[in-house]
Amino acid sequence: MNIKKHIQKINFVTAEGCFMTYKEIYDLHIQLLHVYENNEKHQGPYQKQLNYFKRQFFIAEDIVQRIFVLNQLIKIHEKSREIKINWCSEEYFK
């Protein structure tokens, strides 16, 4: 059996005890990334990193690599969001 096909059939147990396949994990990452990108009004401080990982996504060879790249993109968006949240809280408590 091809190892890549075998790996894609492995199920993951989430914190709630539900099973998720690589395809389901991939779909969730795509949905979250779309939410982040649709809510971006302008380029943030991490635009170079975002561009780099977007290019990596298209050369990824399988779903596992794509999930890794999507995860990196989401982490970058969350870092950018964290900066905005900190700024808002500082402004609020001035």
PDB file of N, CA and C in Angstrom:
ATOM      1  N   MET A   1       0.845  -1.189   0.000  1.00  0.00           N
ATOM      2  CA  MET A   1       0.000   0.000   0.000  1.00  0.00           C
ATOM      3  C   MET A   1       0.884   1.243   0.000  1.00  0.00           C
ATOM      4  N   ASN A   2       0.509   2.228  -0.790  1.00  0.00           N
ATOM      5  CA  ASN A   2       1.223   3.494  -0.850  1.00  0.00           C
ATOM      6  C   ASN A   2       1.126   4.186   0.513  1.00  0.00           C
ATOM      7  N   ILE A   3       2.277   4.596   1.055  1.00  0.00           N
ATOM      8  CA  ILE A   3       2.302   5.188   2.406  1.00  0.00           C
ATOM      9  C   ILE A   3       1.482   6.471   2.478  1.00  0.00           C
ATOM     10  N   LYS A   4       1.502   7.298   1.406  1.00  0.00           N
ATOM     11  CA  LYS A   4       0.728   8.541   1.436  1.00  0.00           C
ATOM     12  C   LYS A   4      -0.763   8.255   1.526  1.00  0.00           C
ATOM     13  N   LYS A   5      -1.225   7.262   0.768  1.00  0.00           N
ATOM     14  CA  LYS A   5      -2.646   6.913   0.833  1.00  0.00           C
ATOM     15  C   LYS A   5      -2.992   6.353   2.207  1.00  0.00           C
ATOM     16  N   HIS A   6      -2.098   5.579   2.778  1.00  0.00           N
ATOM     17  CA  HIS A   6      -2.328   5.008   4.103  1.00  0.00           C
ATOM     18  C   HIS A   6      -2.407   6.107   5.163  1.00  0.00           C
ATOM     19  N   ILE A   7      -1.498   7.070   5.101  1.00  0.00           N
ATOM     20  CA  ILE A   7      -1.479   8.162   6.075  1.00  0.00           C
ATOM     21  C   ILE A   7      -2.760   8.975   5.980  1.00  0.00           C
ATOM     22  N   GLN A   8      -3.269   9.191   4.766  1.00  0.00           N
ATOM     23  CA  GLN A   8      -4.470   9.993   4.598  1.00  0.00           C
ATOM     24  C   GLN A   8      -5.702   9.322   5.198  1.00  0.00           C
ATOM     25  N   LYS A   9      -5.648   8.026   5.418  1.00  0.00           N
ATOM     26  CA  LYS A   9      -6.783   7.313   5.987  1.00  0.00           C
ATOM     27  C   LYS A   9      -6.759   7.293   7.510  1.00  0.00           C
ATOM     28  N   ILE A  10      -5.679   7.756   8.102  1.00  0.00           N
ATOM     29  CA  ILE A  10      -5.574   7.764   9.556  1.00  0.00           C
ATOM     30  C   ILE A  10      -6.555   8.784  10.129  1.00  0.00           C
ATOM     31  N   ASN A  11      -7.236   8.414  11.178  1.00  0.00           N
ATOM     32  CA  ASN A  11      -8.159   9.319  11.851  1.00  0.00           C
ATOM     33  C   ASN A  11      -7.467   9.964  13.045  1.00  0.00           C
ATOM     34  N   PHE A  12      -7.853  11.184  13.340  1.00  0.00           N
ATOM     35  CA  PHE A  12      -7.334  11.897  14.494  1.00  0.00           C
ATOM     36  C   PHE A  12      -8.447  12.053  15.503  1.00  0.00           C
ATOM     37  N   VAL A  13      -8.087  11.965  16.760  1.00  0.00           N
ATOM     38  CA  VAL A  13      -9.053  12.166  17.832  1.00  0.00           C
ATOM     39  C   VAL A  13      -8.879  13.591  18.329  1.00  0.00           C
ATOM     40  N   THR A  14      -9.947  14.353  18.313  1.00  0.00           N
ATOM     41  CA  THR A  14      -9.900  15.729  18.793  1.00  0.00           C
ATOM     42  C   THR A  14     -10.110  15.733  20.296  1.00  0.00           C
ATOM     43  N   ALA A  15     -10.037  16.907  20.891  1.00  0.00           N
ATOM     44  CA  ALA A  15     -10.208  17.035  22.337  1.00  0.00           C
ATOM     45  C   ALA A  15     -11.592  16.546  22.779  1.00  0.00           C
ATOM     46  N   GLU A  16     -12.570  16.668  21.893  1.00  0.00           N
ATOM     47  CA  GLU A  16     -13.926  16.252  22.234  1.00  0.00           C
ATOM     48  C   GLU A  16     -14.128  14.759  22.024  1.00  0.00           C
ATOM     49  N   GLY A  17     -13.117  14.059  21.503  1.00  0.00           N
ATOM     50  CA  GLY A  17     -13.243  12.633  21.276  1.00  0.00           C
ATOM     51  C   GLY A  17     -13.794  12.279  19.906  1.00  0.00           C
ATOM     52  N   CYS A  18     -13.993  13.262  19.028  1.00  0.00           N
ATOM     53  CA  CYS A  18     -14.486  13.004  17.682  1.00  0.00           C
ATOM     54  C   CYS A  18     -13.325  12.617  16.781  1.00  0.00           C
ATOM     55  N   PHE A  19     -13.613  11.820  15.781  1.00  0.00           N
ATOM     56  CA  PHE A  19     -12.594  11.436  14.829  1.00  0.00           C
ATOM     57  C   PHE A  19     -12.617  12.381  13.641  1.00  0.00           C
ATOM     58  N   MET A  20     -11.424  12.768  13.175  1.00  0.00           N
ATOM     59  CA  MET A  20     -11.313  13.655  12.017  1.00  0.00           C
ATOM     60  C   MET A  20     -10.290  13.070  11.048  1.00  0.00           C
ATOM     61  N   THR A  21     -10.609  13.107   9.792  1.00  0.00           N
ATOM     62  CA  THR A  21      -9.665  12.664   8.771  1.00  0.00           C
ATOM     63  C   THR A  21      -8.826  13.860   8.332  1.00  0.00           C
ATOM     64  N   TYR A  22      -7.770  13.578   7.593  1.00  0.00           N
ATOM     65  CA  TYR A  22      -6.956  14.674   7.049  1.00  0.00           C
ATOM     66  C   TYR A  22      -7.804  15.617   6.208  1.00  0.00           C
ATOM     67  N   LYS A  23      -8.739  15.064   5.452  1.00  0.00           N
ATOM     68  CA  LYS A  23      -9.599  15.893   4.595  1.00  0.00           C
ATOM     69  C   LYS A  23     -10.433  16.850   5.442  1.00  0.00           C
ATOM     70  N   GLU A  24     -10.978  16.367   6.542  1.00  0.00           N
ATOM     71  CA  GLU A  24     -11.780  17.226   7.423  1.00  0.00           C
ATOM     72  C   GLU A  24     -10.915  18.299   8.077  1.00  0.00           C
ATOM     73  N   ILE A  25      -9.718  17.929   8.494  1.00  0.00           N
ATOM     74  CA  ILE A  25      -8.795  18.911   9.083  1.00  0.00           C
ATOM     75  C   ILE A  25      -8.433  19.965   8.052  1.00  0.00           C
ATOM     76  N   TYR A  26      -8.148  19.509   6.838  1.00  0.00           N
ATOM     77  CA  TYR A  26      -7.818  20.420   5.727  1.00  0.00           C
ATOM     78  C   TYR A  26      -8.971  21.398   5.489  1.00  0.00           C
ATOM     79  N   ASP A  27     -10.186  20.883   5.412  1.00  0.00           N
ATOM     80  CA  ASP A  27     -11.357  21.730   5.170  1.00  0.00           C
ATOM     81  C   ASP A  27     -11.546  22.769   6.276  1.00  0.00           C
ATOM     82  N   LEU A  28     -11.339  22.373   7.533  1.00  0.00           N
ATOM     83  CA  LEU A  28     -11.463  23.324   8.643  1.00  0.00           C
ATOM     84  C   LEU A  28     -10.407  24.427   8.553  1.00  0.00           C
ATOM     85  N   HIS A  29      -9.182  24.046   8.212  1.00  0.00           N
ATOM     86  CA  HIS A  29      -8.125  25.041   8.051  1.00  0.00           C
ATOM     87  C   HIS A  29      -8.462  26.018   6.923  1.00  0.00           C
ATOM     88  N   ILE A  30      -8.969  25.511   5.820  1.00  0.00           N
ATOM     89  CA  ILE A  30      -9.350  26.362   4.682  1.00  0.00           C
ATOM     90  C   ILE A  30     -10.442  27.343   5.107  1.00  0.00           C
ATOM     91  N   GLN A  31     -11.446  26.857   5.823  1.00  0.00           N
ATOM     92  CA  GLN A  31     -12.536  27.727   6.282  1.00  0.00           C
ATOM     93  C   GLN A  31     -12.009  28.842   7.185  1.00  0.00           C
ATOM     94  N   LEU A  32     -11.161  28.492   8.138  1.00  0.00           N
ATOM     95  CA  LEU A  32     -10.616  29.487   9.060  1.00  0.00           C
ATOM     96  C   LEU A  32      -9.749  30.492   8.319  1.00  0.00           C
ATOM     97  N   LEU A  33      -8.945  30.021   7.389  1.00  0.00           N
ATOM     98  CA  LEU A  33      -8.090  30.919   6.615  1.00  0.00           C
ATOM     99  C   LEU A  33      -8.929  31.891   5.788  1.00  0.00           C
ATOM    100  N   HIS A  34     -10.027  31.407   5.215  1.00  0.00           N
ATOM    101  CA  HIS A  34     -10.916  32.296   4.452  1.00  0.00           C
ATOM    102  C   HIS A  34     -11.503  33.378   5.352  1.00  0.00           C
ATOM    103  N   VAL A  35     -11.876  33.029   6.558  1.00  0.00           N
ATOM    104  CA  VAL A  35     -12.420  34.021   7.491  1.00  0.00           C
ATOM    105  C   VAL A  35     -11.374  35.096   7.771  1.00  0.00           C
ATOM    106  N   TYR A  36     -10.136  34.673   8.076  1.00  0.00           N
ATOM    107  CA  TYR A  36      -9.075  35.644   8.342  1.00  0.00           C
ATOM    108  C   TYR A  36      -8.830  36.535   7.139  1.00  0.00           C
ATOM    109  N   GLU A  37      -8.725  35.945   5.958  1.00  0.00           N
ATOM    110  CA  GLU A  37      -8.388  36.731   4.768  1.00  0.00           C
ATOM    111  C   GLU A  37      -9.529  37.636   4.328  1.00  0.00           C
ATOM    112  N   ASN A  38     -10.754  37.200   4.516  1.00  0.00           N
ATOM    113  CA  ASN A  38     -11.901  38.041   4.143  1.00  0.00           C
ATOM    114  C   ASN A  38     -12.065  39.234   5.073  1.00  0.00           C
ATOM    115  N   ASN A  39     -11.536  39.136   6.296  1.00  0.00           N
ATOM    116  CA  ASN A  39     -11.656  40.227   7.254  1.00  0.00           C
ATOM    117  C   ASN A  39     -10.433  41.151   7.280  1.00  0.00           C
ATOM    118  N   GLU A  40      -9.418  40.847   6.483  1.00  0.00           N
ATOM    119  CA  GLU A  40      -8.234  41.717   6.408  1.00  0.00           C
ATOM    120  C   GLU A  40      -8.563  42.933   5.551  1.00  0.00           C
ATOM    121  N   LYS A  41      -8.396  44.092   6.110  1.00  0.00           N
ATOM    122  CA  LYS A  41      -8.678  45.334   5.379  1.00  0.00           C
ATOM    123  C   LYS A  41      -7.435  45.837   4.642  1.00  0.00           C
ATOM    124  N   HIS A  42      -6.273  45.516   5.160  1.00  0.00           N
ATOM    125  CA  HIS A  42      -5.023  46.003   4.576  1.00  0.00           C
ATOM    126  C   HIS A  42      -3.914  45.002   4.857  1.00  0.00           C
ATOM    127  N   GLN A  43      -2.790  45.208   4.212  1.00  0.00           N
ATOM    128  CA  GLN A  43      -1.656  44.330   4.456  1.00  0.00           C
ATOM    129  C   GLN A  43      -1.071  44.625   5.829  1.00  0.00           C
ATOM    130  N   GLY A  44      -0.795  43.565   6.549  1.00  0.00           N
ATOM    131  CA  GLY A  44      -0.254  43.717   7.889  1.00  0.00           C
ATOM    132  C   GLY A  44       1.253  43.586   7.905  1.00  0.00           C
ATOM    133  N   PRO A  45       1.825  43.583   9.100  1.00  0.00           N
ATOM    134  CA  PRO A  45       3.284  43.522   9.242  1.00  0.00           C
ATOM    135  C   PRO A  45       3.879  42.171   8.825  1.00  0.00           C
ATOM    136  N   TYR A  46       3.041  41.176   8.648  1.00  0.00           N
ATOM    137  CA  TYR A  46       3.524  39.838   8.330  1.00  0.00           C
ATOM    138  C   TYR A  46       3.263  39.450   6.870  1.00  0.00           C
ATOM    139  N   GLN A  47       3.067  40.434   5.998  1.00  0.00           N
ATOM    140  CA  GLN A  47       2.685  40.145   4.623  1.00  0.00           C
ATOM    141  C   GLN A  47       3.731  39.313   3.877  1.00  0.00           C
ATOM    142  N   LYS A  48       5.015  39.554   4.121  1.00  0.00           N
ATOM    143  CA  LYS A  48       6.059  38.767   3.459  1.00  0.00           C
ATOM    144  C   LYS A  48       5.960  37.295   3.842  1.00  0.00           C
ATOM    145  N   GLN A  49       5.734  37.053   5.135  1.00  0.00           N
ATOM    146  CA  GLN A  49       5.596  35.667   5.591  1.00  0.00           C
ATOM    147  C   GLN A  49       4.357  35.005   4.991  1.00  0.00           C
ATOM    148  N   LEU A  50       3.258  35.755   4.933  1.00  0.00           N
ATOM    149  CA  LEU A  50       2.035  35.217   4.332  1.00  0.00           C
ATOM    150  C   LEU A  50       2.266  34.854   2.868  1.00  0.00           C
ATOM    151  N   ASN A  51       2.910  35.743   2.137  1.00  0.00           N
ATOM    152  CA  ASN A  51       3.182  35.484   0.728  1.00  0.00           C
ATOM    153  C   ASN A  51       4.066  34.254   0.552  1.00  0.00           C
ATOM    154  N   TYR A  52       5.072  34.113   1.411  1.00  0.00           N
ATOM    155  CA  TYR A  52       5.972  32.965   1.343  1.00  0.00           C
ATOM    156  C   TYR A  52       5.196  31.657   1.521  1.00  0.00           C
ATOM    157  N   PHE A  53       4.368  31.589   2.554  1.00  0.00           N
ATOM    158  CA  PHE A  53       3.642  30.351   2.806  1.00  0.00           C
ATOM    159  C   PHE A  53       2.547  30.098   1.778  1.00  0.00           C
ATOM    160  N   LYS A  54       1.988  31.153   1.193  1.00  0.00           N
ATOM    161  CA  LYS A  54       1.013  30.943   0.118  1.00  0.00           C
ATOM    162  C   LYS A  54       1.691  30.290  -1.083  1.00  0.00           C
ATOM    163  N   ARG A  55       2.916  30.695  -1.380  1.00  0.00           N
ATOM    164  CA  ARG A  55       3.663  30.050  -2.466  1.00  0.00           C
ATOM    165  C   ARG A  55       3.975  28.601  -2.107  1.00  0.00           C
ATOM    166  N   GLN A  56       4.326  28.369  -0.846  1.00  0.00           N
ATOM    167  CA  GLN A  56       4.630  27.002  -0.406  1.00  0.00           C
ATOM    168  C   GLN A  56       3.418  26.085  -0.534  1.00  0.00           C
ATOM    169  N   PHE A  57       2.238  26.649  -0.333  1.00  0.00           N
ATOM    170  CA  PHE A  57       1.015  25.854  -0.427  1.00  0.00           C
ATOM    171  C   PHE A  57       0.887  25.217  -1.808  1.00  0.00           C
ATOM    172  N   PHE A  58       1.231  25.978  -2.844  1.00  0.00           N
ATOM    173  CA  PHE A  58       1.052  25.484  -4.204  1.00  0.00           C
ATOM    174  C   PHE A  58       2.115  24.477  -4.629  1.00  0.00           C
ATOM    175  N   ILE A  59       3.219  24.398  -3.900  1.00  0.00           N
ATOM    176  CA  ILE A  59       4.223  23.389  -4.244  1.00  0.00           C
ATOM    177  C   ILE A  59       4.209  22.203  -3.274  1.00  0.00           C
ATOM    178  N   ALA A  60       3.323  22.256  -2.295  1.00  0.00           N
ATOM    179  CA  ALA A  60       3.192  21.132  -1.359  1.00  0.00           C
ATOM    180  C   ALA A  60       2.742  19.899  -2.134  1.00  0.00           C
ATOM    181  N   GLU A  61       3.314  18.768  -1.781  1.00  0.00           N
ATOM    182  CA  GLU A  61       3.082  17.547  -2.548  1.00  0.00           C
ATOM    183  C   GLU A  61       1.863  16.744  -2.111  1.00  0.00           C
ATOM    184  N   ASP A  62       1.466  16.862  -0.864  1.00  0.00           N
ATOM    185  CA  ASP A  62       0.325  16.073  -0.410  1.00  0.00           C
ATOM    186  C   ASP A  62      -0.479  16.859   0.627  1.00  0.00           C
ATOM    187  N   ILE A  63      -1.561  16.251   1.083  1.00  0.00           N
ATOM    188  CA  ILE A  63      -2.478  16.940   1.988  1.00  0.00           C
ATOM    189  C   ILE A  63      -1.833  17.235   3.337  1.00  0.00           C
ATOM    190  N   VAL A  64      -0.932  16.380   3.789  1.00  0.00           N
ATOM    191  CA  VAL A  64      -0.274  16.608   5.079  1.00  0.00           C
ATOM    192  C   VAL A  64       0.586  17.870   5.008  1.00  0.00           C
ATOM    193  N   GLN A  65       1.327  18.028   3.931  1.00  0.00           N
ATOM    194  CA  GLN A  65       2.143  19.229   3.762  1.00  0.00           C
ATOM    195  C   GLN A  65       1.268  20.461   3.622  1.00  0.00           C
ATOM    196  N   ARG A  66       0.155  20.329   2.923  1.00  0.00           N
ATOM    197  CA  ARG A  66      -0.755  21.477   2.766  1.00  0.00           C
ATOM    198  C   ARG A  66      -1.362  21.883   4.107  1.00  0.00           C
ATOM    199  N   ILE A  67      -1.707  20.904   4.931  1.00  0.00           N
ATOM    200  CA  ILE A  67      -2.239  21.219   6.265  1.00  0.00           C
ATOM    201  C   ILE A  67      -1.185  21.962   7.075  1.00  0.00           C
ATOM    202  N   PHE A  68       0.070  21.513   6.994  1.00  0.00           N
ATOM    203  CA  PHE A  68       1.145  22.201   7.707  1.00  0.00           C
ATOM    204  C   PHE A  68       1.251  23.660   7.253  1.00  0.00           C
ATOM    205  N   VAL A  69       1.227  23.881   5.943  1.00  0.00           N
ATOM    206  CA  VAL A  69       1.341  25.244   5.412  1.00  0.00           C
ATOM    207  C   VAL A  69       0.135  26.079   5.831  1.00  0.00           C
ATOM    208  N   LEU A  70      -1.058  25.512   5.746  1.00  0.00           N
ATOM    209  CA  LEU A  70      -2.256  26.232   6.184  1.00  0.00           C
ATOM    210  C   LEU A  70      -2.162  26.600   7.656  1.00  0.00           C
ATOM    211  N   ASN A  71      -1.655  25.687   8.464  1.00  0.00           N
ATOM    212  CA  ASN A  71      -1.481  25.952   9.888  1.00  0.00           C
ATOM    213  C   ASN A  71      -0.522  27.124  10.106  1.00  0.00           C
ATOM    214  N   GLN A  72       0.556  27.181   9.324  1.00  0.00           N
ATOM    215  CA  GLN A  72       1.499  28.290   9.445  1.00  0.00           C
ATOM    216  C   GLN A  72       0.827  29.609   9.057  1.00  0.00           C
ATOM    217  N   LEU A  73       0.025  29.599   8.002  1.00  0.00           N
ATOM    218  CA  LEU A  73      -0.701  30.810   7.590  1.00  0.00           C
ATOM    219  C   LEU A  73      -1.657  31.276   8.684  1.00  0.00           C
ATOM    220  N   ILE A  74      -2.362  30.345   9.287  1.00  0.00           N
ATOM    221  CA  ILE A  74      -3.296  30.694  10.360  1.00  0.00           C
ATOM    222  C   ILE A  74      -2.552  31.271  11.555  1.00  0.00           C
ATOM    223  N   LYS A  75      -1.414  30.689  11.908  1.00  0.00           N
ATOM    224  CA  LYS A  75      -0.621  31.212  13.027  1.00  0.00           C
ATOM    225  C   LYS A  75      -0.175  32.641  12.759  1.00  0.00           C
ATOM    226  N   ILE A  76       0.206  32.938  11.532  1.00  0.00           N
ATOM    227  CA  ILE A  76       0.637  34.296  11.181  1.00  0.00           C
ATOM    228  C   ILE A  76      -0.537  35.259  11.304  1.00  0.00           C
ATOM    229  N   HIS A  77      -1.701  34.871  10.820  1.00  0.00           N
ATOM    230  CA  HIS A  77      -2.890  35.724  10.954  1.00  0.00           C
ATOM    231  C   HIS A  77      -3.225  35.946  12.422  1.00  0.00           C
ATOM    232  N   GLU A  78      -3.047  34.916  13.250  1.00  0.00           N
ATOM    233  CA  GLU A  78      -3.339  35.060  14.676  1.00  0.00           C
ATOM    234  C   GLU A  78      -2.342  35.991  15.359  1.00  0.00           C
ATOM    235  N   LYS A  79      -1.070  35.963  14.920  1.00  0.00           N
ATOM    236  CA  LYS A  79      -0.086  36.914  15.472  1.00  0.00           C
ATOM    237  C   LYS A  79      -0.496  38.341  15.142  1.00  0.00           C
ATOM    238  N   SER A  80      -0.919  38.551  13.907  1.00  0.00           N
ATOM    239  CA  SER A  80      -1.356  39.880  13.489  1.00  0.00           C
ATOM    240  C   SER A  80      -2.581  40.324  14.281  1.00  0.00           C
ATOM    241  N   ARG A  81      -3.481  39.403  14.503  1.00  0.00           N
ATOM    242  CA  ARG A  81      -4.698  39.691  15.265  1.00  0.00           C
ATOM    243  C   ARG A  81      -4.359  40.016  16.715  1.00  0.00           C
ATOM    244  N   GLU A  82      -3.377  39.308  17.267  1.00  0.00           N
ATOM    245  CA  GLU A  82      -2.958  39.545  18.646  1.00  0.00           C
ATOM    246  C   GLU A  82      -2.452  40.977  18.821  1.00  0.00           C
ATOM    247  N   ILE A  83      -1.711  41.474  17.849  1.00  0.00           N
ATOM    248  CA  ILE A  83      -1.211  42.850  17.894  1.00  0.00           C
ATOM    249  C   ILE A  83      -2.380  43.825  17.940  1.00  0.00           C
ATOM    250  N   LYS A  84      -3.388  43.583  17.110  1.00  0.00           N
ATOM    251  CA  LYS A  84      -4.559  44.465  17.071  1.00  0.00           C
ATOM    252  C   LYS A  84      -5.319  44.432  18.397  1.00  0.00           C
ATOM    253  N   ILE A  85      -5.458  43.249  18.964  1.00  0.00           N
ATOM    254  CA  ILE A  85      -6.182  43.113  20.238  1.00  0.00           C
ATOM    255  C   ILE A  85      -5.434  43.845  21.346  1.00  0.00           C
ATOM    256  N   ASN A  86      -4.116  43.682  21.400  1.00  0.00           N
ATOM    257  CA  ASN A  86      -3.320  44.379  22.415  1.00  0.00           C
ATOM    258  C   ASN A  86      -3.429  45.888  22.259  1.00  0.00           C
ATOM    259  N   TRP A  87      -3.378  46.373  21.027  1.00  0.00           N
ATOM    260  CA  TRP A  87      -3.496  47.811  20.782  1.00  0.00           C
ATOM    261  C   TRP A  87      -4.859  48.318  21.260  1.00  0.00           C
ATOM    262  N   CYS A  88      -5.908  47.589  20.939  1.00  0.00           N
ATOM    263  CA  CYS A  88      -7.256  48.000  21.360  1.00  0.00           C
ATOM    264  C   CYS A  88      -7.378  48.041  22.881  1.00  0.00           C
ATOM    265  N   SER A  89      -6.836  47.037  23.551  1.00  0.00           N
ATOM    266  CA  SER A  89      -6.955  47.026  25.008  1.00  0.00           C
ATOM    267  C   SER A  89      -6.131  48.147  25.635  1.00  0.00           C
ATOM    268  N   GLU A  90      -4.966  48.439  25.059  1.00  0.00           N
ATOM    269  CA  GLU A  90      -4.169  49.556  25.572  1.00  0.00           C
ATOM    270  C   GLU A  90      -4.883  50.888  25.387  1.00  0.00           C
ATOM    271  N   GLU A  91      -5.503  51.059  24.245  1.00  0.00           N
ATOM    272  CA  GLU A  91      -6.251  52.293  23.984  1.00  0.00           C
ATOM    273  C   GLU A  91      -7.450  52.406  24.936  1.00  0.00           C
ATOM    274  N   TYR A  92      -8.109  51.319  25.183  1.00  0.00           N
ATOM    275  CA  TYR A  92      -9.286  51.314  26.035  1.00  0.00           C
ATOM    276  C   TYR A  92      -8.926  51.684  27.476  1.00  0.00           C
ATOM    277  N   PHE A  93      -7.808  51.173  27.958  1.00  0.00           N
ATOM    278  CA  PHE A  93      -7.432  51.390  29.353  1.00  0.00           C
ATOM    279  C   PHE A  93      -6.563  52.599  29.579  1.00  0.00           C
ATOM    280  N   LYS A  94      -6.399  53.461  28.592  1.00  0.00           N
ATOM    281  CA  LYS A  94      -5.629  54.701  28.786  1.00  0.00           C
ATOM    282  C   LYS A  94      -6.369  55.681  29.648  1.00  0.00           C
TER     283      LYS A  94
END
